[in-house]
C-alpha atoms as a PDB file:
ATOM      1  CA  MET A   1     -14.752   2.185 -59.684  1.00  0.00           C
ATOM      2  CA  LEU A   2     -11.207   0.562 -58.571  1.00  0.00           C
ATOM      3  CA  LYS A   3     -10.155   0.629 -62.282  1.00  0.00           C
ATOM      4  CA  PRO A   4      -7.237   3.054 -63.300  1.00  0.00           C
ATOM      5  CA  LYS A   5      -8.192   5.957 -65.650  1.00  0.00           C
ATOM      6  CA  THR A   6      -4.622   6.747 -66.963  1.00  0.00           C
ATOM      7  CA  GLY A   7      -2.542   5.575 -69.970  1.00  0.00           C
ATOM      8  CA  VAL A   8      -4.867   6.871 -72.658  1.00  0.00           C
ATOM      9  CA  ARG A   9      -4.805  10.140 -74.352  1.00  0.00           C
ATOM     10  CA  PHE A  10      -8.066  11.303 -76.382  1.00  0.00           C
ATOM     11  CA  ARG A  11      -8.878  13.372 -79.287  1.00  0.00           C
ATOM     12  CA  ARG A  12     -12.770  14.414 -79.331  1.00  0.00           C
ATOM     13  CA  GLU A  13     -14.766  14.691 -82.496  1.00  0.00           C
ATOM     14  CA  THR A  14     -18.396  16.062 -82.387  1.00  0.00           C
ATOM     15  CA  LEU A  15     -20.427  13.872 -84.701  1.00  0.00           C
ATOM     16  CA  ASP A  16     -23.434  15.459 -86.286  1.00  0.00           C
ATOM     17  CA  LEU A  17     -26.486  13.339 -86.306  1.00  0.00           C
ATOM     18  CA  PRO A  18     -29.253  13.217 -88.948  1.00  0.00           C
ATOM     19  CA  ASP A  19     -31.763  14.301 -86.601  1.00  0.00           C
ATOM     20  CA  GLY A  20     -30.014  17.480 -85.691  1.00  0.00           C
ATOM     21  CA  ASP A  21     -28.453  16.242 -82.577  1.00  0.00           C
ATOM     22  CA  PHE A  22     -24.739  15.293 -82.019  1.00  0.00           C
ATOM     23  CA  VAL A  23     -22.443  12.575 -80.232  1.00  0.00           C
ATOM     24  CA  ASP A  24     -19.228  13.102 -78.954  1.00  0.00           C
ATOM     25  CA  LEU A  25     -16.459  10.657 -80.128  1.00  0.00           C
ATOM     26  CA  ASP A  26     -13.352   9.988 -78.134  1.00  0.00           C
ATOM     27  CA  TYR A  27     -10.363   8.577 -80.318  1.00  0.00           C
ATOM     28  CA  ALA A  28      -8.201   6.393 -77.913  1.00  0.00           C
ATOM     29  CA  ASP A  29      -4.439   6.914 -78.374  1.00  0.00           C
ATOM     30  CA  VAL A  30      -2.371   4.597 -76.166  1.00  0.00           C
ATOM     31  CA  PRO A  31       1.366   5.784 -75.974  1.00  0.00           C
ATOM     32  CA  GLY A  32       3.281   3.831 -78.915  1.00  0.00           C
ATOM     33  CA  ARG A  33       0.015   2.537 -80.277  1.00  0.00           C
ATOM     34  CA  THR A  34      -2.026   5.347 -81.504  1.00  0.00           C
ATOM     35  CA  TRP A  35      -4.048   5.819 -84.394  1.00  0.00           C
ATOM     36  CA  ALA A  36      -1.050   7.039 -86.503  1.00  0.00           C
ATOM     37  CA  ASP A  37       0.752   4.129 -85.327  1.00  0.00           C
ATOM     38  CA  LEU A  38      -1.723   1.629 -86.074  1.00  0.00           C
ATOM     39  CA  GLU A  39      -2.746   3.160 -89.445  1.00  0.00           C
ATOM     40  CA  ALA A  40      -5.222   1.018 -91.399  1.00  0.00           C
ATOM     41  CA  ALA A  41      -5.631  -1.425 -88.502  1.00  0.00           C
ATOM     42  CA  PRO A  42      -9.101  -2.715 -87.725  1.00  0.00           C
ATOM     43  CA  ILE A  43     -11.239  -0.401 -85.721  1.00  0.00           C
ATOM     44  CA  VAL A  44     -13.746  -0.830 -82.755  1.00  0.00           C
ATOM     45  CA  LEU A  45     -16.204   1.282 -81.583  1.00  0.00           C
ATOM     46  CA  LEU A  46     -17.048   1.206 -77.990  1.00  0.00           C
ATOM     47  CA  VAL A  47     -20.501   2.104 -76.534  1.00  0.00           C
ATOM     48  CA  HIS A  48     -20.407   2.899 -72.584  1.00  0.00           C
ATOM     49  CA  GLY A  49     -23.320   2.136 -70.039  1.00  0.00           C
ATOM     50  CA  LEU A  50     -25.847   4.038 -68.247  1.00  0.00           C
ATOM     51  CA  GLY A  51     -24.789   6.941 -66.225  1.00  0.00           C
ATOM     52  CA  GLY A  52     -21.079   7.075 -67.447  1.00  0.00           C
ATOM     53  CA  ASP A  53     -19.113   8.175 -70.492  1.00  0.00           C
ATOM     54  CA  ALA A  54     -16.472   6.823 -72.885  1.00  0.00           C
ATOM     55  CA  ARG A  55     -13.518   7.574 -70.659  1.00  0.00           C
ATOM     56  CA  GLY A  56     -14.690   5.260 -67.645  1.00  0.00           C
ATOM     57  CA  GLY A  57     -12.408   2.655 -66.277  1.00  0.00           C
ATOM     58  CA  TYR A  58     -13.450  -0.183 -68.024  1.00  0.00           C
ATOM     59  CA  SER A  59     -13.623   1.585 -71.275  1.00  0.00           C
ATOM     60  CA  ILE A  60      -9.673   2.636 -70.591  1.00  0.00           C
ATOM     61  CA  ALA A  61      -9.136  -0.856 -69.880  1.00  0.00           C
ATOM     62  CA  THR A  62     -10.696  -2.017 -72.974  1.00  0.00           C
ATOM     63  CA  TYR A  63      -8.900   0.642 -75.269  1.00  0.00           C
ATOM     64  CA  LYS A  64      -5.351  -0.363 -73.828  1.00  0.00           C
ATOM     65  CA  ALA A  65      -5.948  -4.314 -74.419  1.00  0.00           C
ATOM     66  CA  LEU A  66      -7.359  -3.444 -78.046  1.00  0.00           C
ATOM     67  CA  ALA A  67      -4.069  -1.310 -78.821  1.00  0.00           C
ATOM     68  CA  THR A  68      -1.815  -4.085 -77.570  1.00  0.00           C
ATOM     69  CA  LEU A  69      -3.390  -6.479 -80.170  1.00  0.00           C
ATOM     70  CA  GLY A  70      -2.944  -3.739 -82.737  1.00  0.00           C
ATOM     71  CA  VAL A  71      -6.646  -2.632 -83.090  1.00  0.00           C
ATOM     72  CA  ARG A  72      -7.561   0.923 -83.132  1.00  0.00           C
ATOM     73  CA  ALA A  73     -10.471   1.983 -80.688  1.00  0.00           C
ATOM     74  CA  VAL A  74     -13.099   4.991 -80.505  1.00  0.00           C
ATOM     75  CA  GLY A  75     -15.471   5.385 -77.719  1.00  0.00           C
ATOM     76  CA  MET A  76     -18.919   6.966 -78.632  1.00  0.00           C
ATOM     77  CA  ASN A  77     -20.371   9.099 -75.620  1.00  0.00           C
ATOM     78  CA  HIS A  78     -24.445   8.959 -75.508  1.00  0.00           C
ATOM     79  CA  ARG A  79     -26.250  12.113 -75.910  1.00  0.00           C
ATOM     80  CA  GLY A  80     -25.746  14.553 -73.056  1.00  0.00           C
ATOM     81  CA  CYS A  81     -22.831  12.447 -71.417  1.00  0.00           C
ATOM     82  CA  SER A  82     -19.784  14.157 -72.914  1.00  0.00           C
ATOM     83  CA  GLY A  83     -20.056  17.217 -70.445  1.00  0.00           C
ATOM     84  CA  ARG A  84     -22.260  19.429 -72.333  1.00  0.00           C
ATOM     85  CA  PRO A  85     -26.172  18.983 -73.054  1.00  0.00           C
ATOM     86  CA  ASN A  86     -27.478  17.594 -76.331  1.00  0.00           C
ATOM     87  CA  ARG A  87     -29.373  19.972 -78.906  1.00  0.00           C
ATOM     88  CA  VAL A  88     -32.674  18.228 -79.050  1.00  0.00           C
ATOM     89  CA  ALA A  89     -35.278  17.049 -76.752  1.00  0.00           C
ATOM     90  CA  ARG A  90     -34.024  13.297 -76.430  1.00  0.00           C
ATOM     91  CA  VAL A  91     -31.870  11.637 -74.485  1.00  0.00           C
ATOM     92  CA  SER A  92     -29.873   8.066 -75.125  1.00  0.00           C
ATOM     93  CA  HIS A  93     -31.979   5.137 -73.947  1.00  0.00           C
ATOM     94  CA  ALA A  94     -31.860   1.332 -74.492  1.00  0.00           C
ATOM     95  CA  GLY A  95     -33.322   1.531 -78.124  1.00  0.00           C
ATOM     96  CA  THR A  96     -31.156   4.383 -79.384  1.00  0.00           C
ATOM     97  CA  THR A  97     -29.711   2.008 -82.098  1.00  0.00           C
ATOM     98  CA  GLU A  98     -29.752   4.867 -84.554  1.00  0.00           C
ATOM     99  CA  ASP A  99     -26.491   6.485 -82.910  1.00  0.00           C
ATOM    100  CA  PRO A 100     -24.129   3.484 -82.839  1.00  0.00           C
ATOM    101  CA  ARG A 101     -25.433   2.622 -86.211  1.00  0.00           C
ATOM    102  CA  PHE A 102     -24.601   5.835 -87.567  1.00  0.00           C
ATOM    103  CA  ALA A 103     -21.189   5.995 -85.914  1.00  0.00           C
ATOM    104  CA  LEU A 104     -20.528   2.689 -87.893  1.00  0.00           C
ATOM    105  CA  GLU A 105     -21.424   3.952 -91.032  1.00  0.00           C
ATOM    106  CA  THR A 106     -19.440   6.972 -90.609  1.00  0.00           C
ATOM    107  CA  LEU A 107     -16.307   4.926 -89.636  1.00  0.00           C
ATOM    108  CA  ALA A 108     -16.798   2.551 -92.678  1.00  0.00           C
ATOM    109  CA  GLU A 109     -17.184   5.426 -94.905  1.00  0.00           C
ATOM    110  CA  ARG A 110     -14.038   7.132 -93.679  1.00  0.00           C
ATOM    111  CA  HIS A 111     -11.980   3.923 -93.523  1.00  0.00           C
ATOM    112  CA  PRO A 112     -13.168   1.855 -96.567  1.00  0.00           C
ATOM    113  CA  GLY A 113     -11.732  -1.923 -96.585  1.00  0.00           C
ATOM    114  CA  VAL A 114     -11.143  -1.661 -92.784  1.00  0.00           C
ATOM    115  CA  PRO A 115     -12.869  -4.196 -90.398  1.00  0.00           C
ATOM    116  CA  LEU A 116     -15.185  -2.843 -88.061  1.00  0.00           C
ATOM    117  CA  ALA A 117     -16.553  -4.250 -84.703  1.00  0.00           C
ATOM    118  CA  ALA A 118     -18.271  -2.815 -81.693  1.00  0.00           C
ATOM    119  CA  VAL A 119     -18.297  -3.444 -78.043  1.00  0.00           C
ATOM    120  CA  GLY A 120     -20.781  -2.230 -75.496  1.00  0.00           C
ATOM    121  CA  PHE A 121     -21.130  -2.452 -71.705  1.00  0.00           C
ATOM    122  CA  SER A 122     -24.524  -2.595 -69.920  1.00  0.00           C
ATOM    123  CA  LEU A 123     -27.016  -0.457 -71.428  1.00  0.00           C
ATOM    124  CA  GLY A 124     -24.439   0.338 -74.349  1.00  0.00           C
ATOM    125  CA  GLY A 125     -24.366  -3.376 -74.955  1.00  0.00           C
ATOM    126  CA  HIS A 126     -28.262  -3.533 -75.129  1.00  0.00           C
ATOM    127  CA  MET A 127     -28.182  -0.703 -77.883  1.00  0.00           C
ATOM    128  CA  LEU A 128     -25.625  -2.970 -79.815  1.00  0.00           C
ATOM    129  CA  VAL A 129     -27.674  -5.974 -79.772  1.00  0.00           C
ATOM    130  CA  ARG A 130     -30.785  -4.554 -80.347  1.00  0.00           C
ATOM    131  CA  MET A 131     -29.053  -2.869 -83.061  1.00  0.00           C
ATOM    132  CA  ALA A 132     -28.174  -6.367 -84.296  1.00  0.00           C
ATOM    133  CA  THR A 133     -31.630  -7.358 -84.423  1.00  0.00           C
ATOM    134  CA  GLU A 134     -33.000  -5.079 -86.936  1.00  0.00           C
ATOM    135  CA  PRO A 135     -33.827  -5.538 -90.503  1.00  0.00           C
ATOM    136  CA  THR A 136     -31.639  -2.915 -91.886  1.00  0.00           C
ATOM    137  CA  PRO A 137     -28.148  -4.426 -92.394  1.00  0.00           C
ATOM    138  CA  LEU A 138     -25.090  -2.920 -90.962  1.00  0.00           C
ATOM    139  CA  PRO A 139     -22.174  -2.133 -93.313  1.00  0.00           C
ATOM    140  CA  ASP A 140     -20.417  -5.154 -94.569  1.00  0.00           C
ATOM    141  CA  ALA A 141     -17.295  -3.751 -92.812  1.00  0.00           C
ATOM    142  CA  VAL A 142     -18.939  -4.614 -89.597  1.00  0.00           C
ATOM    143  CA  ARG A 143     -17.566  -8.094 -88.425  1.00  0.00           C
ATOM    144  CA  GLY A 144     -19.419  -8.591 -85.139  1.00  0.00           C
ATOM    145  CA  VAL A 145     -20.781  -7.299 -81.617  1.00  0.00           C
ATOM    146  CA  VAL A 146     -19.664  -7.808 -78.149  1.00  0.00           C
ATOM    147  CA  ALA A 147     -22.122  -7.068 -75.258  1.00  0.00           C
ATOM    148  CA  VAL A 148     -20.674  -7.020 -71.662  1.00  0.00           C
ATOM    149  CA  SER A 149     -22.989  -7.427 -68.564  1.00  0.00           C
ATOM    150  CA  THR A 150     -25.838  -6.606 -70.743  1.00  0.00           C
ATOM    151  CA  PRO A 151     -29.518  -6.714 -69.748  1.00  0.00           C
ATOM    152  CA  LEU A 152     -31.901  -8.519 -72.507  1.00  0.00           C
ATOM    153  CA  ASP A 153     -35.359  -8.196 -70.571  1.00  0.00           C
ATOM    154  CA  LEU A 154     -35.451  -4.395 -69.468  1.00  0.00           C
ATOM    155  CA  ALA A 155     -38.249  -5.083 -67.233  1.00  0.00           C
ATOM    156  CA  SER A 156     -36.607  -7.668 -65.358  1.00  0.00           C
ATOM    157  CA  CYS A 157     -33.506  -5.592 -65.008  1.00  0.00           C
ATOM    158  CA  ALA A 158     -35.555  -2.617 -63.843  1.00  0.00           C
ATOM    159  CA  THR A 159     -37.013  -5.171 -61.174  1.00  0.00           C
ATOM    160  CA  ARG A 160     -33.495  -6.302 -60.159  1.00  0.00           C
ATOM    161  CA  LEU A 161     -32.249  -2.669 -59.668  1.00  0.00           C
ATOM    162  CA  GLU A 162     -35.241  -2.329 -56.820  1.00  0.00           C
ATOM    163  CA  GLN A 163     -33.699  -5.413 -54.810  1.00  0.00           C
ATOM    164  CA  GLY A 164     -30.697  -5.887 -52.961  1.00  0.00           C
ATOM    165  CA  MET A 165     -27.359  -4.880 -54.440  1.00  0.00           C
ATOM    166  CA  GLY A 166     -29.075  -3.677 -57.450  1.00  0.00           C
ATOM    167  CA  ARG A 167     -30.278  -0.829 -55.383  1.00  0.00           C
ATOM    168  CA  ILE A 168     -26.990   0.388 -54.433  1.00  0.00           C
ATOM    169  CA  TYR A 169     -25.901   0.608 -58.306  1.00  0.00           C
ATOM    170  CA  ALA A 170     -29.223   2.180 -59.029  1.00  0.00           C
ATOM    171  CA  ARG A 171     -28.630   4.834 -56.892  1.00  0.00           C
ATOM    172  CA  TRP A 172     -25.192   5.549 -58.288  1.00  0.00           C
ATOM    173  CA  ILE A 173     -26.580   5.688 -61.852  1.00  0.00           C
ATOM    174  CA  LEU A 174     -29.573   7.951 -60.755  1.00  0.00           C
ATOM    175  CA  ALA A 175     -27.162  10.482 -59.395  1.00  0.00           C
ATOM    176  CA  HIS A 176     -25.337  10.916 -62.602  1.00  0.00           C
ATOM    177  CA  LEU A 177     -28.405  10.936 -64.439  1.00  0.00           C
ATOM    178  CA  ARG A 178     -29.664  13.919 -62.329  1.00  0.00           C
ATOM    179  CA  VAL A 179     -26.968  15.801 -63.240  1.00  0.00           C
ATOM    180  CA  MET A 180     -27.213  15.404 -66.921  1.00  0.00           C
ATOM    181  CA  VAL A 181     -30.930  15.967 -66.637  1.00  0.00           C
ATOM    182  CA  ARG A 182     -30.430  19.391 -64.698  1.00  0.00           C
ATOM    183  CA  ALA A 183     -27.872  20.437 -67.226  1.00  0.00           C
ATOM    184  CA  LYS A 184     -30.278  20.004 -69.874  1.00  0.00           C
ATOM    185  CA  MET A 185     -33.163  21.731 -67.965  1.00  0.00           C
ATOM    186  CA  ASP A 186     -30.803  24.779 -67.764  1.00  0.00           C
ATOM    187  CA  GLU A 187     -30.593  24.873 -71.438  1.00  0.00           C
ATOM    188  CA  GLY A 188     -34.235  24.256 -72.057  1.00  0.00           C
ATOM    189  CA  TRP A 189     -36.255  20.912 -72.996  1.00  0.00           C
ATOM    190  CA  ALA A 190     -38.805  22.309 -75.763  1.00  0.00           C
ATOM    191  CA  LEU A 191     -40.478  19.867 -77.822  1.00  0.00           C
ATOM    192  CA  THR A 192     -41.015  20.923 -81.415  1.00  0.00           C
ATOM    193  CA  ASP A 193     -44.122  20.035 -83.393  1.00  0.00           C
ATOM    194  CA  GLU A 194     -42.516  17.367 -85.117  1.00  0.00           C
ATOM    195  CA  ASP A 195     -41.795  15.609 -81.596  1.00  0.00           C
ATOM    196  CA  ARG A 196     -45.474  15.960 -80.573  1.00  0.00           C
ATOM    197  CA  ALA A 197     -46.587  14.501 -84.218  1.00  0.00           C
ATOM    198  CA  LEU A 198     -44.431  11.478 -83.142  1.00  0.00           C
ATOM    199  CA  GLY A 199     -46.194  11.058 -79.719  1.00  0.00           C
ATOM    200  CA  ARG A 200     -43.528  12.373 -77.779  1.00  0.00           C
ATOM    201  CA  ARG A 201     -44.616  14.368 -74.647  1.00  0.00           C
ATOM    202  CA  THR A 202     -43.274  16.782 -72.075  1.00  0.00           C
ATOM    203  CA  PRO A 203     -41.500  14.734 -69.132  1.00  0.00           C
ATOM    204  CA  ASP A 204     -42.530  15.012 -65.422  1.00  0.00           C
ATOM    205  CA  PHE A 205     -39.457  16.875 -64.622  1.00  0.00           C
ATOM    206  CA  ALA A 206     -40.235  16.904 -60.839  1.00  0.00           C
ATOM    207  CA  ALA A 207     -40.654  13.070 -60.655  1.00  0.00           C
ATOM    208  CA  THR A 208     -37.661  12.674 -62.742  1.00  0.00           C
ATOM    209  CA  LEU A 209     -35.137  14.322 -60.277  1.00  0.00           C
ATOM    210  CA  ALA A 210     -37.032  12.620 -57.250  1.00  0.00           C
ATOM    211  CA  ALA A 211     -37.019   9.118 -58.794  1.00  0.00           C
ATOM    212  CA  THR A 212     -35.331   6.638 -56.618  1.00  0.00           C
ATOM    213  CA  SER A 213     -35.565   3.773 -59.020  1.00  0.00           C
ATOM    214  CA  ILE A 214     -34.668   3.278 -62.704  1.00  0.00           C
ATOM    215  CA  ARG A 215     -38.232   2.319 -63.461  1.00  0.00           C
ATOM    216  CA  ALA A 216     -39.520   5.471 -61.679  1.00  0.00           C
ATOM    217  CA  PHE A 217     -36.995   7.657 -63.821  1.00  0.00           C
ATOM    218  CA  ASP A 218     -38.116   5.775 -67.016  1.00  0.00           C
ATOM    219  CA  GLU A 219     -41.688   6.260 -66.429  1.00  0.00           C
ATOM    220  CA  ALA A 220     -41.178   9.976 -65.819  1.00  0.00           C
ATOM    221  CA  LEU A 221     -38.773  10.866 -68.562  1.00  0.00           C
ATOM    222  CA  ILE A 222     -37.873   8.290 -70.973  1.00  0.00           C
ATOM    223  CA  ALA A 223     -41.454   6.941 -71.492  1.00  0.00           C
ATOM    224  CA  PRO A 224     -43.039  10.349 -72.460  1.00  0.00           C
ATOM    225  CA  LEU A 225     -40.230  11.979 -74.063  1.00  0.00           C
ATOM    226  CA  HIS A 226     -39.552   9.135 -76.720  1.00  0.00           C
ATOM    227  CA  GLY A 227     -43.191   8.332 -77.281  1.00  0.00           C
ATOM    228  CA  PHE A 228     -43.866   5.436 -75.091  1.00  0.00           C
ATOM    229  CA  ALA A 229     -47.019   5.032 -73.146  1.00  0.00           C
ATOM    230  CA  ASP A 230     -44.972   4.306 -70.079  1.00  0.00           C
ATOM    231  CA  ALA A 231     -42.013   2.474 -68.733  1.00  0.00           C
ATOM    232  CA  ALA A 232     -43.612  -0.893 -69.451  1.00  0.00           C
ATOM    233  CA  ASP A 233     -44.393   0.023 -72.882  1.00  0.00           C
ATOM    234  CA  TYR A 234     -40.959   1.264 -73.169  1.00  0.00           C
ATOM    235  CA  TYR A 235     -39.464  -1.807 -72.013  1.00  0.00           C
ATOM    236  CA  ALA A 236     -41.735  -4.217 -74.158  1.00  0.00           C
ATOM    237  CA  GLN A 237     -41.021  -2.372 -77.299  1.00  0.00           C
ATOM    238  CA  VAL A 238     -37.384  -2.039 -76.958  1.00  0.00           C
ATOM    239  CA  SER A 239     -36.142  -5.167 -75.316  1.00  0.00           C
ATOM    240  CA  ALA A 240     -33.587  -7.167 -77.259  1.00  0.00           C
ATOM    241  CA  GLY A 241     -34.156 -10.632 -75.702  1.00  0.00           C
ATOM    242  CA  PRO A 242     -37.524 -11.609 -77.603  1.00  0.00           C
ATOM    243  CA  ARG A 243     -35.672 -10.471 -80.868  1.00  0.00           C
ATOM    244  CA  LEU A 244     -32.161 -12.596 -80.653  1.00  0.00           C
ATOM    245  CA  ASP A 245     -33.653 -14.906 -83.630  1.00  0.00           C
ATOM    246  CA  ALA A 246     -33.118 -11.880 -85.916  1.00  0.00           C
ATOM    247  CA  ILE A 247     -29.391 -11.601 -85.420  1.00  0.00           C
ATOM    248  CA  THR A 248     -27.302 -12.631 -88.401  1.00  0.00           C
ATOM    249  CA  VAL A 249     -23.825 -10.606 -87.285  1.00  0.00           C
ATOM    250  CA  PRO A 250     -21.676 -12.646 -84.761  1.00  0.00           C
ATOM    251  CA  THR A 251     -22.552 -11.403 -81.478  1.00  0.00           C
ATOM    252  CA  THR A 252     -21.128 -12.377 -78.103  1.00  0.00           C
ATOM    253  CA  LEU A 253     -22.695 -11.969 -74.938  1.00  0.00           C
ATOM    254  CA  VAL A 254     -20.591 -11.749 -71.677  1.00  0.00           C
ATOM    255  CA  ARG A 255     -22.204 -11.994 -68.350  1.00  0.00           C
ATOM    256  CA  ALA A 256     -21.736 -13.070 -64.820  1.00  0.00           C
ATOM    257  CA  ASP A 257     -24.308 -15.434 -62.867  1.00  0.00           C
ATOM    258  CA  ASP A 258     -24.137 -13.014 -59.765  1.00  0.00           C
ATOM    259  CA  ASP A 259     -24.795  -9.746 -61.918  1.00  0.00           C
ATOM    260  CA  PRO A 260     -27.206  -7.833 -60.030  1.00  0.00           C
ATOM    261  CA  PHE A 261     -28.573  -6.165 -62.942  1.00  0.00           C
ATOM    262  CA  LEU A 262     -29.227  -9.341 -64.805  1.00  0.00           C
ATOM    263  CA  HIS A 263     -32.562 -11.731 -64.155  1.00  0.00           C
ATOM    264  CA  PRO A 264     -31.599 -15.723 -64.555  1.00  0.00           C
ATOM    265  CA  SER A 265     -34.992 -16.238 -66.571  1.00  0.00           C
ATOM    266  CA  GLU A 266     -32.947 -14.425 -69.407  1.00  0.00           C
ATOM    267  CA  LEU A 267     -30.779 -17.570 -69.742  1.00  0.00           C
ATOM    268  CA  ASP A 268     -34.232 -19.303 -71.066  1.00  0.00           C
ATOM    269  CA  LEU A 269     -34.580 -16.998 -73.920  1.00  0.00           C
ATOM    270  CA  PRO A 270     -35.010 -19.182 -77.242  1.00  0.00           C
ATOM    271  CA  GLY A 271     -33.118 -16.696 -79.156  1.00  0.00           C
ATOM    272  CA  LEU A 272     -29.693 -17.717 -77.309  1.00  0.00           C
ATOM    273  CA  ALA A 273     -29.973 -21.005 -79.657  1.00  0.00           C
ATOM    274  CA  ASN A 274     -29.213 -18.570 -82.441  1.00  0.00           C
ATOM    275  CA  PRO A 275     -26.093 -19.878 -84.060  1.00  0.00           C
ATOM    276  CA  ALA A 276     -24.982 -16.232 -84.668  1.00  0.00           C
ATOM    277  CA  VAL A 277     -25.001 -15.610 -80.940  1.00  0.00           C
ATOM    278  CA  ASP A 278     -22.423 -16.896 -78.510  1.00  0.00           C
ATOM    279  CA  LEU A 279     -23.170 -16.647 -74.814  1.00  0.00           C
ATOM    280  CA  VAL A 280     -19.968 -16.646 -72.476  1.00  0.00           C
ATOM    281  CA  ARG A 281     -20.966 -17.027 -68.691  1.00  0.00           C
ATOM    282  CA  THR A 282     -18.773 -16.915 -65.664  1.00  0.00           C
ATOM    283  CA  PRO A 283     -19.808 -17.659 -61.975  1.00  0.00           C
ATOM    284  CA  HIS A 284     -18.614 -14.603 -60.648  1.00  0.00           C
ATOM    285  CA  GLY A 285     -17.971 -10.858 -62.102  1.00  0.00           C
ATOM    286  CA  GLY A 286     -20.715  -8.749 -60.929  1.00  0.00           C
ATOM    287  CA  HIS A 287     -21.902  -6.051 -63.005  1.00  0.00           C
ATOM    288  CA  VAL A 288     -19.077  -4.749 -65.431  1.00  0.00           C
ATOM    289  CA  GLY A 289     -16.300  -5.928 -62.503  1.00  0.00           C
ATOM    290  CA  PHE A 290     -14.663  -9.276 -63.468  1.00  0.00           C
ATOM    291  CA  VAL A 291     -12.255  -8.898 -60.730  1.00  0.00           C
ATOM    292  CA  GLU A 292      -9.875 -11.257 -59.129  1.00  0.00           C
ATOM    293  CA  PHE A 293      -7.527 -10.723 -55.975  1.00  0.00           C
ATOM    294  CA  ASP A 294      -4.179 -11.954 -55.167  1.00  0.00           C
ATOM    295  CA  ARG A 295      -1.202 -10.710 -53.074  1.00  0.00           C
ATOM    296  CA  ARG A 296      -0.407  -7.800 -55.842  1.00  0.00           C
ATOM    297  CA  GLY A 297      -3.847  -6.640 -55.695  1.00  0.00           C
ATOM    298  CA  PRO A 298      -6.809  -6.642 -57.837  1.00  0.00           C
ATOM    299  CA  ARG A 299      -6.769  -7.908 -61.316  1.00  0.00           C
ATOM    300  CA  PHE A 300      -9.485  -7.044 -63.785  1.00  0.00           C
ATOM    301  CA  TRP A 301      -9.497  -9.696 -66.820  1.00  0.00           C
ATOM    302  CA  ALA A 302     -12.493  -9.227 -68.531  1.00  0.00           C
ATOM    303  CA  GLU A 303     -11.444  -6.164 -70.681  1.00  0.00           C
ATOM    304  CA  ALA A 304      -8.385  -8.138 -71.971  1.00  0.00           C
ATOM    305  CA  ALA A 305     -10.639 -11.221 -72.809  1.00  0.00           C
ATOM    306  CA  VAL A 306     -13.098  -9.009 -74.639  1.00  0.00           C
ATOM    307  CA  ALA A 307     -10.355  -7.189 -76.468  1.00  0.00           C
ATOM    308  CA  ARG A 308      -8.858 -10.846 -77.652  1.00  0.00           C
ATOM    309  CA  ARG A 309     -12.444 -12.042 -78.690  1.00  0.00           C
ATOM    310  CA  LEU A 310     -12.850  -8.606 -80.755  1.00  0.00           C
ATOM    311  CA  SER A 311      -9.594  -9.040 -82.423  1.00  0.00           C
ATOM    312  CA  ASP A 312     -10.622 -12.408 -83.342  1.00  0.00           C
ATOM    313  CA  ILE A 313     -13.602 -11.439 -84.968  1.00  0.00           C
ATOM    314  CA  LEU A 314     -11.999  -8.501 -86.825  1.00  0.00           C
ATOM    315  CA  ARG A 315      -9.184 -11.041 -88.297  1.00  0.00           C
ATOM    316  CA  ALA A 316     -11.210 -13.916 -89.076  1.00  0.00           C
END
């Protein structure tokens, strides 16, 4: 919340998705290092976390750090998170891997021969890691993935968000999610026959708006709307942690030991031994915070470190 949101101009593109929905892409132009200035430079797709958008403080810090290293960046807003409701009876969730995959495929098609990478924060990082576990290969241009403050076990993450500092984060996230849900309800949220054939059900909107935990929100809206039996089924089917062995694209996980979202048991996942997976741990950093204080004030260091990692991946 302390991170500045200045120093970047955005050009927005609506990217139509194969299922009839859309995501808005925000192309980040840093003065003196715009997309036009960096023509033919490598490209990073940034995927934000739950309850935010592609123009948040950590995103802007990452765009600026990447531009300094001669890398172009574009942020993908989740469905319904760019200031207008999406078109279909779905929302983005931790398993919506098709959206960043389609964005990367589109970038690869438009910029042949240009190296690509992706960075995700929190839920956005989970989407990318889960995408990297899937058997369908990513475009050859994709050199790697970086995931920051990313839960790998969604059930344990939901539990952590019901405890201690996690509850404060959960209240903030739920407040943003309620705004998105109400906007979508105003537009209408009708399921199609095709939706019902896929096992999707009408959410409990009253319970959704009354939810005081992420688990309750997932139980009332995410699970029925996307064909899961309940929140537990959603977590079991979608969590990336048990699937890390399947990753072949270089994947860097950045996490702080004091992150209130992440359960220490995730560090025992066998898939972390996969040579394609690089775990970077810090003792402190909280959740997408990574701030140090000195006499000049707060210094946020993770975005610059992540940008350097992405630059190394892209130029390897």
